[in-house]
């Protein structure tokens, strides 16, 4: 077993040396470092300009984490999507295959190297993240959950890229396909969710009972209501509403939703989320709630009870969270299975001697 890991470690070191020696990688990490710094500074300045509490940096932290995830999902396919077939075209893969290294060691080494390189973008963002954490407002469990999920998601993208590079013969095709998989999970799930909700619709009937302000005498200066409250005849409205509660599960596969739903949400005194994680998670949790198909807005009865605003009261985001279920672990499981299948396929395709050689390959 020790020999297996020794060989695997050697292969990983060779892959990392080949990647890190590239000038393009150094430039790219430097650009990410500068961009994250600019984004953090602009967010911090905007909080101050709008009178926010500078010490409460949870919103800045969550935004920076999402920015790192965006950069990672944009760059990782390029550094992993040609890991195997690129070496095959260059003629260097065969050199490794004739050694004592097995196919799974070769594929896993390329995956671990690509994952490590992807994590360097997170390392480049650490100064900005530490600044927001030290400023206060970021809970320890939110920090641990968000960093952990971000690391795993970058690993999933790296695994898909390496897996497709082993399954496909041409590097260009595998890189493009990796981008398409990332786009399907990030943007495709949003499109499918929206179209699915619009495809399934129900008829909603709402009854409105208002107040006749033309009668009733003088207006009370405190409430703005007439001294004698006279109710109008009920008005009934009927219109179709989308049923997003039927298709909200599609969003469970979205990596940005997984990150938001996994991070513990903090609420202010009014029950509203304090960071970007909570706002996105609130949107997904709200989609779980079925619309009330037969509702009554009785403004007149609320006014007679002395509380005219009660007719329009709705649950706070915190109450919506309590009435819904988390889905991040389902999405993360989907991503891990997808990554495992991709790597497994690459190992089977890279194993030698192969029953069928990839298109364009020849045996000397």
Protein backbone atom coordinates (compact mmCIF):
# COMPACT_ATOMS: atom_id res chain seq x y z
CA UNK A 1 0.00 0.00 0.00
CA UNK A 2 2.87 2.37 0.80
CA UNK A 3 4.38 1.68 -2.64
CA UNK A 4 1.04 2.59 -4.23
CA UNK A 5 0.92 5.98 -2.48
CA UNK A 6 4.63 6.58 -3.12
CA UNK A 7 4.06 6.12 -6.85
CA UNK A 8 0.92 8.25 -6.73
CA UNK A 9 2.79 11.02 -4.88
CA UNK A 10 5.60 10.97 -7.43
CA UNK A 11 3.15 11.32 -10.30
CA UNK A 12 1.38 14.20 -8.56
CA UNK A 13 4.68 15.99 -8.02
CA UNK A 14 5.58 15.60 -11.69
CA UNK A 15 2.20 16.98 -12.75
CA UNK A 16 2.44 19.95 -10.38
CA UNK A 17 5.97 20.82 -11.47
CA UNK A 18 4.85 20.80 -15.07
CA UNK A 19 1.90 23.09 -14.35
CA UNK A 20 3.44 25.47 -11.81
CA UNK A 21 6.54 26.15 -13.93
CA UNK A 22 4.26 27.75 -16.49
CA UNK A 23 4.41 31.56 -16.57
CA UNK A 24 0.73 31.67 -17.52
CA UNK A 25 -0.22 30.04 -14.21
CA UNK A 26 1.71 32.65 -12.20
CA UNK A 27 0.09 35.47 -14.16
CA UNK A 28 -3.36 33.95 -13.72
CA UNK A 29 -3.01 33.57 -9.94
CA UNK A 30 -1.71 37.14 -9.71
CA UNK A 31 -4.70 38.41 -11.68
CA UNK A 32 -7.09 36.55 -9.38
CA UNK A 33 -5.34 38.02 -6.33
CA UNK A 34 -5.71 41.55 -7.70
CA UNK A 35 -9.33 41.06 -8.80
CA UNK A 36 -10.39 39.65 -5.44
CA UNK A 37 -8.70 42.56 -3.71
CA UNK A 38 -10.51 45.07 -5.94
CA UNK A 39 -13.88 43.36 -5.41
CA UNK A 40 -13.37 43.29 -1.64
CA UNK A 41 -12.38 46.96 -1.54
CA UNK A 42 -15.36 48.03 -3.63
CA UNK A 43 -17.79 46.02 -1.51
CA UNK A 44 -16.31 47.42 1.68
CA UNK A 45 -16.56 50.97 0.33
CA UNK A 46 -20.17 50.43 -0.71
CA UNK A 47 -21.11 49.26 2.79
CA UNK A 48 -19.62 52.42 4.26
CA UNK A 49 -21.22 54.67 1.63
CA UNK A 50 -24.71 53.33 2.29
CA UNK A 51 -24.38 53.65 6.04
CA UNK A 52 -23.90 49.95 6.76
CA UNK A 53 -22.07 48.55 9.72
CA UNK A 54 -18.46 48.08 8.61
CA UNK A 55 -17.89 45.54 11.37
CA UNK A 56 -20.57 43.29 9.90
CA UNK A 57 -18.65 41.81 6.95
CA UNK A 58 -20.73 38.68 6.38
CA UNK A 59 -22.10 40.07 3.12
CA UNK A 60 -18.61 40.89 1.80
CA UNK A 61 -17.31 37.46 2.79
CA UNK A 62 -20.11 35.55 1.03
CA UNK A 63 -19.70 37.64 -2.13
CA UNK A 64 -15.94 36.99 -2.24
CA UNK A 65 -16.51 33.26 -1.79
CA UNK A 66 -18.93 33.27 -4.71
CA UNK A 67 -16.42 35.21 -6.79
CA UNK A 68 -13.78 32.56 -6.09
CA UNK A 69 -16.22 29.81 -7.07
CA UNK A 70 -16.99 31.66 -10.30
CA UNK A 71 -13.31 32.04 -11.16
CA UNK A 72 -12.64 28.42 -10.24
CA UNK A 73 -15.40 27.05 -12.43
CA UNK A 74 -14.22 29.21 -15.32
CA UNK A 75 -10.52 28.27 -15.12
CA UNK A 76 -10.50 24.68 -13.79
CA UNK A 77 -11.98 23.13 -16.99
CA UNK A 78 -9.10 24.65 -18.96
CA UNK A 79 -6.43 23.16 -16.68
CA UNK A 80 -8.06 19.74 -16.32
CA UNK A 81 -9.97 19.15 -19.56
CA UNK A 82 -6.86 18.10 -21.52
CA UNK A 83 -4.92 16.36 -18.76
CA UNK A 84 -4.95 12.87 -20.34
CA UNK A 85 -5.69 13.27 -24.04
CA UNK A 86 -3.29 16.22 -24.19
CA UNK A 87 -0.47 13.95 -22.98
CA UNK A 88 -1.68 11.28 -25.38
CA UNK A 89 -1.39 13.64 -28.34
CA UNK A 90 2.04 14.87 -27.14
CA UNK A 91 3.26 11.27 -26.85
CA UNK A 92 4.13 11.57 -23.14
CA UNK A 93 1.27 9.44 -21.80
CA UNK A 94 2.69 6.23 -23.26
CA UNK A 95 5.96 6.86 -21.45
CA UNK A 96 4.15 6.85 -18.13
CA UNK A 97 1.99 3.85 -19.05
CA UNK A 98 5.00 1.59 -19.63
CA UNK A 99 6.20 2.18 -16.05
CA UNK A 100 4.90 0.36 -12.98
CA UNK A 101 2.24 3.05 -12.51
CA UNK A 102 -1.27 1.71 -12.96
CA UNK A 103 -4.08 3.44 -14.86
CA UNK A 104 -5.88 4.50 -11.72
CA UNK A 105 -2.66 6.00 -10.32
CA UNK A 106 -2.14 8.00 -13.51
CA UNK A 107 -5.72 9.31 -13.59
CA UNK A 108 -5.86 10.03 -9.86
CA UNK A 109 -2.53 11.84 -10.00
CA UNK A 110 -3.76 14.09 -12.79
CA UNK A 111 -6.99 14.72 -10.87
CA UNK A 112 -5.18 15.58 -7.62
CA UNK A 113 -2.78 17.88 -9.47
CA UNK A 114 -5.62 19.68 -11.26
CA UNK A 115 -7.54 20.00 -7.98
CA UNK A 116 -4.46 21.41 -6.22
CA UNK A 117 -3.93 23.98 -8.96
CA UNK A 118 -7.61 24.97 -8.72
CA UNK A 119 -7.21 25.48 -4.98
CA UNK A 120 -4.43 28.00 -5.59
CA UNK A 121 -7.16 30.46 -6.61
CA UNK A 122 -8.63 30.03 -3.15
CA UNK A 123 -5.19 30.60 -1.63
CA UNK A 124 -4.84 33.77 -3.68
CA UNK A 125 -8.10 34.99 -2.12
CA UNK A 126 -7.11 34.18 1.48
CA UNK A 127 -5.87 37.71 2.35
CA UNK A 128 -9.23 39.20 1.40
CA UNK A 129 -11.14 36.44 3.18
CA UNK A 130 -9.05 36.79 6.34
CA UNK A 131 -9.66 40.53 6.29
CA UNK A 132 -13.44 40.07 6.25
CA UNK A 133 -13.29 37.34 8.92
CA UNK A 134 -11.11 39.37 11.27
CA UNK A 135 -13.39 42.38 10.85
CA UNK A 136 -16.19 40.37 12.44
CA UNK A 137 -19.65 39.31 11.38
CA UNK A 138 -18.65 35.92 9.94
CA UNK A 139 -19.64 32.96 12.10
CA UNK A 140 -17.27 30.03 12.52
CA UNK A 141 -19.74 27.45 11.20
CA UNK A 142 -20.46 29.58 8.14
CA UNK A 143 -16.72 29.90 7.50
CA UNK A 144 -16.10 26.15 7.82
CA UNK A 145 -19.13 25.11 5.73
CA UNK A 146 -18.52 27.58 2.89
CA UNK A 147 -14.79 26.83 2.57
CA UNK A 148 -15.43 23.08 2.75
CA UNK A 149 -18.12 23.12 0.05
CA UNK A 150 -16.03 25.43 -2.14
CA UNK A 151 -13.06 23.05 -1.95
CA UNK A 152 -15.27 20.08 -2.84
CA UNK A 153 -16.93 21.88 -5.75
CA UNK A 154 -13.57 22.80 -7.25
CA UNK A 155 -12.58 19.15 -6.88
CA UNK A 156 -15.73 18.05 -8.69
CA UNK A 157 -15.00 20.33 -11.65
CA UNK A 158 -11.40 19.07 -11.76
CA UNK A 159 -12.58 15.44 -11.67
CA UNK A 160 -15.08 15.98 -14.47
CA UNK A 161 -12.42 17.66 -16.62
CA UNK A 162 -9.85 14.92 -16.06
CA UNK A 163 -12.47 12.22 -16.57
CA UNK A 164 -13.67 13.65 -19.86
CA UNK A 165 -10.07 14.08 -21.02
CA UNK A 166 -9.65 10.33 -20.58
CA UNK A 167 -12.93 9.46 -22.26
CA UNK A 168 -12.48 11.71 -25.31
CA UNK A 169 -9.72 11.61 -27.88
CA UNK A 170 -9.41 15.31 -28.69
CA UNK A 171 -8.40 17.86 -26.02
CA UNK A 172 -10.57 20.59 -27.53
CA UNK A 173 -13.69 18.46 -27.31
CA UNK A 174 -13.06 17.43 -23.70
CA UNK A 175 -12.38 21.01 -22.59
CA UNK A 176 -15.51 22.32 -24.30
CA UNK A 177 -17.59 19.46 -22.89
CA UNK A 178 -16.31 20.21 -19.39
CA UNK A 179 -17.41 23.82 -19.80
CA UNK A 180 -20.79 22.60 -21.02
CA UNK A 181 -21.19 20.39 -17.94
CA UNK A 182 -20.35 23.33 -15.66
CA UNK A 183 -22.75 25.55 -17.59
CA UNK A 184 -25.49 22.92 -17.38
CA UNK A 185 -25.14 22.72 -13.61
CA UNK A 186 -24.78 26.48 -13.05
CA UNK A 187 -27.03 28.06 -15.70
CA UNK A 188 -28.94 25.11 -17.14
CA UNK A 189 -30.54 24.27 -13.80
CA UNK A 190 -31.80 27.86 -13.48
CA UNK A 191 -33.29 27.76 -16.98
CA UNK A 192 -34.89 24.36 -16.36
CA UNK A 193 -36.27 25.56 -13.03
CA UNK A 194 -37.79 28.69 -14.56
CA UNK A 195 -39.30 26.93 -17.58
CA UNK A 196 -40.54 24.06 -15.43
CA UNK A 197 -42.29 26.42 -13.02
CA UNK A 198 -43.96 28.24 -15.91
CA UNK A 199 -44.99 24.97 -17.55
CA UNK A 200 -46.84 23.82 -14.43
CA UNK A 201 -49.41 26.44 -13.48
CA UNK A 202 -52.45 26.55 -11.24
CA UNK A 203 -55.37 28.93 -11.05
CA UNK A 204 -55.26 31.18 -8.00
CA UNK A 205 -58.35 32.89 -6.66
CA UNK A 206 -57.93 35.92 -4.42
CA UNK A 207 -60.75 37.70 -2.62
CA UNK A 208 -60.18 41.32 -1.63
CA UNK A 209 -62.42 43.10 0.87
CA UNK A 210 -61.54 46.78 1.06
CA UNK A 211 -62.73 49.87 2.92
CA UNK A 212 -65.08 52.49 1.49
CA UNK A 213 -63.17 55.72 2.17
CA UNK A 214 -65.90 57.85 0.59
CA UNK A 215 -68.12 57.42 3.66
CA UNK A 216 -67.53 57.14 7.36
CA UNK A 217 -66.88 60.75 8.36
CA UNK A 218 -63.59 62.31 9.40
CA UNK A 219 -60.28 60.46 9.15
CA UNK A 220 -58.35 59.42 12.22
CA UNK A 221 -54.93 61.18 12.05
CA UNK A 222 -53.21 58.24 13.77
CA UNK A 223 -54.49 55.41 11.59
CA UNK A 224 -55.57 57.27 8.45
CA UNK A 225 -58.92 55.42 8.59
CA UNK A 226 -62.41 56.96 8.66
CA UNK A 227 -64.15 57.19 12.03
CA UNK A 228 -66.80 54.74 10.84
CA UNK A 229 -65.38 51.85 8.80
CA UNK A 230 -67.63 50.66 5.99
CA UNK A 231 -66.66 47.52 4.11
CA UNK A 232 -66.85 47.27 0.35
CA UNK A 233 -68.30 44.32 -1.48
CA UNK A 234 -65.75 41.54 -1.99
CA UNK A 235 -63.81 41.62 -5.24
CA UNK A 236 -62.72 38.24 -6.60
CA UNK A 237 -59.69 37.94 -8.87
CA UNK A 238 -58.54 34.79 -10.62
CA UNK A 239 -55.24 34.37 -12.44
CA UNK A 240 -52.66 31.64 -13.17
CA UNK A 241 -49.59 31.27 -10.96
CA UNK A 242 -46.42 29.24 -11.72
CA UNK A 243 -45.82 26.13 -9.59
CA UNK A 244 -42.15 26.35 -8.75
CA UNK A 245 -42.81 24.06 -5.79
CA UNK A 246 -43.09 21.20 -8.30
CA UNK A 247 -39.63 21.71 -9.79
CA UNK A 248 -37.55 23.33 -7.03
CA UNK A 249 -35.52 20.12 -6.69
CA UNK A 250 -33.77 20.96 -9.98
CA UNK A 251 -31.91 23.72 -8.17
CA UNK A 252 -30.39 21.18 -5.79
CA UNK A 253 -27.81 20.35 -8.49
CA UNK A 254 -26.69 23.98 -8.85
CA UNK A 255 -23.24 24.46 -7.23
CA UNK A 256 -24.07 28.02 -6.17
CA UNK A 257 -27.26 26.83 -4.48
CA UNK A 258 -25.34 23.99 -2.80
CA UNK A 259 -22.87 26.50 -1.38
CA UNK A 260 -25.62 28.85 -0.18
CA UNK A 261 -27.78 26.13 1.34
CA UNK A 262 -24.86 24.44 3.11
CA UNK A 263 -23.70 27.63 4.84
CA UNK A 264 -25.68 28.25 8.06
CA UNK A 265 -27.88 31.29 7.53
CA UNK A 266 -27.81 34.21 9.95
CA UNK A 267 -30.82 36.52 10.32
CA UNK A 268 -31.18 40.03 11.66
CA UNK A 269 -33.69 41.06 14.30
CA UNK A 270 -36.43 41.32 11.66
CA UNK A 271 -35.85 37.79 10.37
CA UNK A 272 -34.02 38.70 7.14
CA UNK A 273 -30.76 37.03 5.97
CA UNK A 274 -27.58 39.03 6.47
CA UNK A 275 -25.40 37.73 3.65
CA UNK A 276 -25.56 36.54 0.05
CA UNK A 277 -25.65 32.90 1.16
CA UNK A 278 -28.85 33.51 3.08
CA UNK A 279 -30.50 35.52 0.30
CA UNK A 280 -29.93 32.81 -2.30
CA UNK A 281 -30.91 30.05 0.13
CA UNK A 282 -34.07 32.00 1.01
CA UNK A 283 -35.02 32.14 -2.67
CA UNK A 284 -34.65 28.36 -3.00
CA UNK A 285 -36.50 27.67 0.26
CA UNK A 286 -39.32 30.00 -0.86
CA UNK A 287 -39.70 28.00 -4.06
CA UNK A 288 -40.53 24.96 -1.94
CA UNK A 289 -43.67 26.63 -0.60
CA UNK A 290 -46.86 25.92 -2.54
CA UNK A 291 -48.86 29.06 -3.41
CA UNK A 292 -52.13 29.60 -1.59
CA UNK A 293 -54.66 28.94 -4.33
CA UNK A 294 -57.64 30.38 -2.44
CA UNK A 295 -56.60 33.44 -0.45
CA UNK A 296 -58.52 36.28 1.19
CA UNK A 297 -57.15 39.77 1.83
CA UNK A 298 -59.61 41.30 4.27
CA UNK A 299 -58.39 44.85 4.82
CA UNK A 300 -61.73 45.82 6.35
CA UNK A 301 -61.67 43.14 9.07
CA UNK A 302 -58.06 44.02 9.91
CA UNK A 303 -59.02 47.69 10.25
CA UNK A 304 -61.95 46.84 12.50
CA UNK A 305 -59.53 44.84 14.67
CA UNK A 306 -57.32 47.93 14.98
CA UNK A 307 -54.44 46.56 12.90
CA UNK A 308 -54.97 47.48 9.21
CA UNK A 309 -51.52 46.19 8.21
CA UNK A 310 -52.33 42.66 9.38
CA UNK A 311 -54.14 41.94 6.10
CA UNK A 312 -50.83 42.09 4.22
CA UNK A 313 -48.58 40.31 6.70
CA UNK A 314 -46.51 37.41 5.34
CA UNK A 315 -44.00 35.00 6.89
CA UNK A 316 -40.49 36.35 7.39
CA UNK A 317 -37.56 34.62 5.64
CA UNK A 318 -36.61 33.05 8.97
CA UNK A 319 -40.10 31.55 9.28
CA UNK A 320 -39.89 30.32 5.68
CA UNK A 321 -36.61 28.58 6.53
CA UNK A 322 -38.25 26.85 9.46
CA UNK A 323 -41.03 25.54 7.19
CA UNK A 324 -38.68 24.15 4.49
CA UNK A 325 -36.01 21.49 4.12
CA UNK A 326 -32.32 21.77 3.11
CA UNK A 327 -31.16 20.26 -0.17
CA UNK A 328 -27.41 20.91 -0.28
CA UNK A 329 -26.41 17.35 0.60
CA UNK A 330 -28.47 15.99 -2.32
CA UNK A 331 -26.76 18.34 -4.76
CA UNK A 332 -23.33 17.57 -3.35
CA UNK A 333 -24.02 13.84 -3.66
CA UNK A 334 -25.02 14.32 -7.30
CA UNK A 335 -21.78 16.19 -7.98
CA UNK A 336 -19.61 13.58 -6.24
CA UNK A 337 -21.29 10.73 -8.14
CA UNK A 338 -20.81 12.61 -11.42
CA UNK A 339 -17.13 13.14 -10.62
CA UNK A 340 -16.69 9.49 -9.65
CA UNK A 341 -18.29 8.26 -12.87
CA UNK A 342 -16.06 10.54 -14.95
CA UNK A 343 -12.89 9.37 -13.21
CA UNK A 344 -13.99 5.75 -13.37
CA UNK A 345 -14.58 6.02 -17.11
CA UNK A 346 -11.18 7.64 -17.60
CA UNK A 347 -9.45 4.86 -15.66
CA UNK A 348 -11.18 2.19 -17.75
CA UNK A 349 -10.24 3.98 -20.98
CA UNK A 350 -6.63 4.58 -19.95
CA UNK A 351 -5.97 1.03 -18.70
CA UNK A 352 -3.43 -0.93 -20.74
CA UNK A 353 -3.46 -3.13 -22.63
CA UNK A 354 -6.65 -1.59 -23.99
CA UNK A 355 -9.27 -3.59 -25.80
CA UNK A 356 -9.91 -0.70 -28.12
CA UNK A 357 -7.55 2.17 -28.77
CA UNK A 358 -8.89 5.73 -29.00
CA UNK A 359 -9.48 7.08 -32.47
CA UNK A 360 -6.25 8.19 -34.09
CA UNK A 361 -3.97 6.04 -31.87
CA UNK A 362 -1.57 3.49 -33.34
CA UNK A 363 0.51 0.72 -31.91
CA UNK A 364 4.11 0.79 -33.05
